[in-house]
Amino acid sequence: MTRYQHGWPNLCHMTEEILSHCLAHIDSGIETVINFGVFCGETDYRSAKKFPSVSFIGVDREAATKKLNDAAYTLKNLSFVQADIMNFLPVVAERKGVKLLFHARTATLLYPNLLLKIYKSCATAGIQYIALYENFSLSRSTFLLHDFDSFPAQSVPYAETMFIHNYRQFLEETGYEMIEFKKLPYADLIWHHNPEVLADSHISLVARLK
């Protein structure tokens, strides 16, 4: 299926687009990209081929994810790590150069306090940029729309065990400033004829350590 027919190829496309934008236009001096919650490494592989001077590290807690990615994708500037991100960030602190942490459809599964701790650890590790692609706006639990300036709490329920977080607030609290923000429609919903949730969207956000 194409990115207009299903969410997974759309996620792959958007991830590659956002990473390419960060590396080519936000800061061409970025030397390390950490993909937190990497899942399938297809996007990381494509990005690593496009930017051979940048080191890409895919981090996931599951051993099977690392095993499958190692078997499928091999490049000198691409590696996969099985680790809890909180345990891996101190290792990242030892790496020199400009670093970026990226997450897509990962923070939505995290409790607010954990996400806040991760961002604080990123600042401590000297990670200069955080970029993300996450769900936003419409809560499928309450059918209310939210924006950064009208959040009723730190986070609100999205659906089942997922959250919509006030990413701007979290980042500012941990020493980052938002330098780019875009709302992006979730094309998959249009194809599945769900008019009641057409207001649903995702966001692309880039923040820089102050």
Protein backbone atom coordinates (compact mmCIF):
# COMPACT_ATOMS: atom_id res chain seq x y z
CA MET A 1 0.00 0.00 0.00
CA THR A 2 1.05 3.60 -0.57
CA ARG A 3 1.28 6.29 2.11
CA TYR A 4 -2.21 7.46 1.08
CA GLN A 5 -3.75 4.05 1.77
CA HIS A 6 -2.29 3.00 5.10
CA GLY A 7 -0.68 4.52 8.16
CA TRP A 8 2.55 2.48 8.18
CA PRO A 9 3.92 3.59 4.79
CA ASN A 10 2.77 7.12 5.62
CA LEU A 11 4.74 6.96 8.89
CA CYS A 12 7.82 5.79 7.01
CA HIS A 13 7.49 8.60 4.48
CA MET A 14 6.92 11.31 7.08
CA THR A 15 9.83 10.14 9.22
CA GLU A 16 12.20 10.25 6.26
CA GLU A 17 10.92 13.69 5.23
CA ILE A 18 11.34 15.18 8.70
CA LEU A 19 14.83 13.75 9.22
CA SER A 20 15.94 14.95 5.79
CA HIS A 21 14.60 18.41 6.55
CA CYS A 22 16.42 18.56 9.88
CA LEU A 23 19.73 17.42 8.42
CA ALA A 24 19.60 19.54 5.28
CA HIS A 25 17.90 22.72 6.50
CA ILE A 26 17.74 22.95 10.31
CA ASP A 27 21.41 22.16 10.98
CA SER A 28 23.74 20.57 8.42
CA GLY A 29 26.26 20.04 11.23
CA ILE A 30 24.22 17.32 12.96
CA GLU A 31 26.49 14.29 13.29
CA THR A 32 24.35 11.78 15.21
CA VAL A 33 20.65 10.92 14.95
CA ILE A 34 19.07 8.74 17.65
CA ASN A 35 15.71 7.26 16.67
CA PHE A 36 13.94 6.50 19.93
CA GLY A 37 11.45 3.66 19.46
CA VAL A 38 12.85 2.74 16.06
CA PHE A 39 10.64 -0.31 15.32
CA CYS A 40 11.33 -1.17 11.63
CA GLY A 41 14.60 0.39 10.46
CA GLU A 42 13.56 1.06 6.85
CA THR A 43 13.42 4.82 7.32
CA ASP A 44 16.75 4.88 9.16
CA TYR A 45 18.32 2.85 6.34
CA ARG A 46 17.04 5.24 3.67
CA SER A 47 18.18 8.26 5.67
CA ALA A 48 21.60 6.74 6.35
CA LYS A 49 22.09 6.16 2.62
CA LYS A 50 21.09 9.75 1.89
CA PHE A 51 23.37 11.21 4.59
CA PRO A 52 26.48 8.96 4.74
CA SER A 53 28.41 11.35 7.01
CA VAL A 54 25.75 11.15 9.75
CA SER A 55 25.60 8.29 12.28
CA PHE A 56 22.11 6.85 12.72
CA ILE A 57 21.30 4.84 15.87
CA GLY A 58 17.96 3.08 16.22
CA VAL A 59 17.05 2.36 19.85
CA ASP A 60 14.34 -0.07 20.90
CA ARG A 61 13.70 -2.10 24.04
CA GLU A 62 12.87 -5.31 22.13
CA ALA A 63 15.68 -7.75 21.35
CA ALA A 64 13.72 -9.08 18.37
CA THR A 65 13.60 -5.59 16.84
CA LYS A 66 17.37 -5.27 16.93
CA LYS A 67 17.82 -8.80 15.56
CA LEU A 68 15.49 -8.22 12.61
CA ASN A 69 16.92 -4.78 11.80
CA ASP A 70 20.51 -6.02 11.98
CA ALA A 71 19.63 -8.79 9.52
CA ALA A 72 17.79 -6.51 7.10
CA TYR A 73 19.83 -3.29 7.09
CA THR A 74 23.61 -2.98 6.89
CA LEU A 75 25.46 0.30 6.48
CA LYS A 76 28.62 1.64 8.11
CA ASN A 77 26.79 4.67 9.53
CA LEU A 78 23.74 2.72 10.77
CA SER A 79 23.42 0.70 13.98
CA PHE A 80 20.64 -0.67 16.17
CA VAL A 81 20.66 -0.89 19.96
CA GLN A 82 18.50 -2.89 22.34
CA ALA A 83 18.13 -0.66 25.40
CA ASP A 84 15.82 1.37 27.54
CA ILE A 85 16.25 4.94 26.30
CA MET A 86 16.90 6.21 29.84
CA ASN A 87 19.86 3.83 30.11
CA PHE A 88 21.16 4.68 26.66
CA LEU A 89 21.13 8.48 26.92
CA PRO A 90 24.17 8.58 29.28
CA VAL A 91 26.05 6.66 26.57
CA VAL A 92 24.99 9.28 24.03
CA ALA A 93 26.44 11.98 26.29
CA GLU A 94 29.91 10.58 25.57
CA ARG A 95 29.54 11.12 21.82
CA LYS A 96 31.04 14.33 20.46
CA GLY A 97 29.39 16.60 17.95
CA VAL A 98 25.85 17.84 17.34
CA LYS A 99 23.15 15.30 18.19
CA LEU A 100 19.45 14.97 17.44
CA LEU A 101 16.90 12.71 19.11
CA PHE A 102 13.87 11.80 17.02
CA HIS A 103 10.68 9.94 17.94
CA ALA A 104 7.61 9.10 15.87
CA ARG A 105 4.42 7.54 17.23
CA THR A 106 6.39 6.62 20.36
CA ALA A 107 5.71 9.36 22.92
CA THR A 108 1.98 8.80 22.51
CA LEU A 109 2.49 5.53 24.41
CA LEU A 110 4.42 7.14 27.29
CA TYR A 111 3.08 8.47 30.57
CA PRO A 112 3.67 12.25 30.92
CA ASN A 113 6.19 11.94 33.75
CA LEU A 114 8.32 9.48 31.77
CA LEU A 115 8.38 11.73 28.71
CA LEU A 116 9.43 14.65 30.90
CA LYS A 117 12.27 12.57 32.38
CA ILE A 118 13.44 11.56 28.90
CA TYR A 119 13.58 15.17 27.71
CA LYS A 120 15.47 16.17 30.87
CA SER A 121 17.96 13.36 30.24
CA CYS A 122 18.36 14.55 26.64
CA ALA A 123 19.32 18.00 27.90
CA THR A 124 21.78 16.47 30.40
CA ALA A 125 23.28 14.34 27.61
CA GLY A 126 23.87 17.47 25.53
CA ILE A 127 21.46 16.53 22.76
CA GLN A 128 21.05 19.82 20.93
CA TYR A 129 17.89 18.96 18.98
CA ILE A 130 14.69 17.01 19.54
CA ALA A 131 12.42 16.34 16.57
CA LEU A 132 9.15 14.44 16.58
CA TYR A 133 6.17 13.23 14.59
CA GLU A 134 3.26 12.42 16.90
CA ASN A 135 -0.53 12.47 16.98
CA PHE A 136 -2.15 15.72 18.00
CA SER A 137 -5.32 17.84 18.09
CA LEU A 138 -8.33 15.50 18.30
CA SER A 139 -8.79 13.15 21.22
CA ARG A 140 -10.57 10.03 20.05
CA SER A 141 -11.63 9.45 23.65
CA THR A 142 -13.36 12.80 24.28
CA PHE A 143 -13.77 14.09 20.68
CA LEU A 144 -12.37 17.45 21.77
CA LEU A 145 -9.75 19.39 19.82
CA HIS A 146 -6.65 20.67 21.59
CA ASP A 147 -3.83 23.08 20.82
CA PHE A 148 -0.73 24.14 22.77
CA ASP A 149 -2.44 27.29 24.06
CA SER A 150 -5.62 25.52 25.17
CA PHE A 151 -4.42 22.28 26.77
CA PRO A 152 -6.48 21.56 29.91
CA ALA A 153 -3.61 19.53 31.39
CA GLN A 154 -0.05 18.37 30.66
CA SER A 155 -1.49 15.53 28.59
CA VAL A 156 -4.92 14.36 27.49
CA PRO A 157 -6.13 10.89 26.43
CA TYR A 158 -5.91 10.14 22.74
CA ALA A 159 -7.32 6.62 22.45
CA GLU A 160 -7.19 3.60 24.73
CA THR A 161 -3.67 3.63 26.23
CA MET A 162 -2.33 6.59 24.21
CA PHE A 163 -1.86 10.27 25.00
CA ILE A 164 -1.70 13.66 23.32
CA HIS A 165 1.02 15.61 25.11
CA ASN A 166 1.64 19.33 25.31
CA TYR A 167 5.06 18.92 23.72
CA ARG A 168 5.85 22.63 23.75
CA GLN A 169 5.38 22.80 27.51
CA PHE A 170 7.41 19.64 28.13
CA LEU A 171 10.28 20.87 25.98
CA GLU A 172 10.33 24.35 27.50
CA GLU A 173 10.34 22.88 31.01
CA THR A 174 13.43 20.84 30.16
CA GLY A 175 15.50 23.59 28.54
CA TYR A 176 14.46 23.42 24.87
CA GLU A 177 12.80 26.00 22.64
CA MET A 178 10.47 25.12 19.78
CA ILE A 179 11.90 26.41 16.51
CA GLU A 180 9.54 24.74 14.03
CA PHE A 181 6.00 23.39 14.27
CA LYS A 182 3.63 22.09 11.60
CA LYS A 183 0.24 20.38 11.72
CA LEU A 184 -0.06 17.54 9.24
CA PRO A 185 -3.24 15.67 8.24
CA TYR A 186 -3.41 11.93 8.71
CA ALA A 187 -4.27 10.83 5.17
CA ASP A 188 -5.21 7.28 6.21
CA LEU A 189 -8.42 8.50 7.83
CA ILE A 190 -9.73 9.99 4.59
CA TRP A 191 -9.32 6.70 2.77
CA HIS A 192 -11.18 4.82 5.48
CA HIS A 193 -14.17 7.18 5.35
CA ASN A 194 -14.30 8.33 8.94
CA PRO A 195 -15.71 11.86 8.62
CA GLU A 196 -16.17 12.19 12.37
CA VAL A 197 -12.41 12.16 12.90
CA LEU A 198 -11.20 14.07 9.84
CA ALA A 199 -10.03 16.82 12.20
CA ASP A 200 -7.44 14.39 13.56
CA SER A 201 -3.88 15.23 12.67
CA HIS A 202 -0.22 14.76 13.51
CA ILE A 203 2.45 17.31 14.24
CA SER A 204 6.01 17.76 13.10
CA LEU A 205 8.02 19.66 15.70
CA VAL A 206 11.69 20.59 16.05
CA ALA A 207 13.18 22.00 19.26
CA ARG A 208 16.66 23.26 20.08
CA LEU A 209 18.49 23.22 23.40
CA LYS A 210 18.78 26.77 24.75
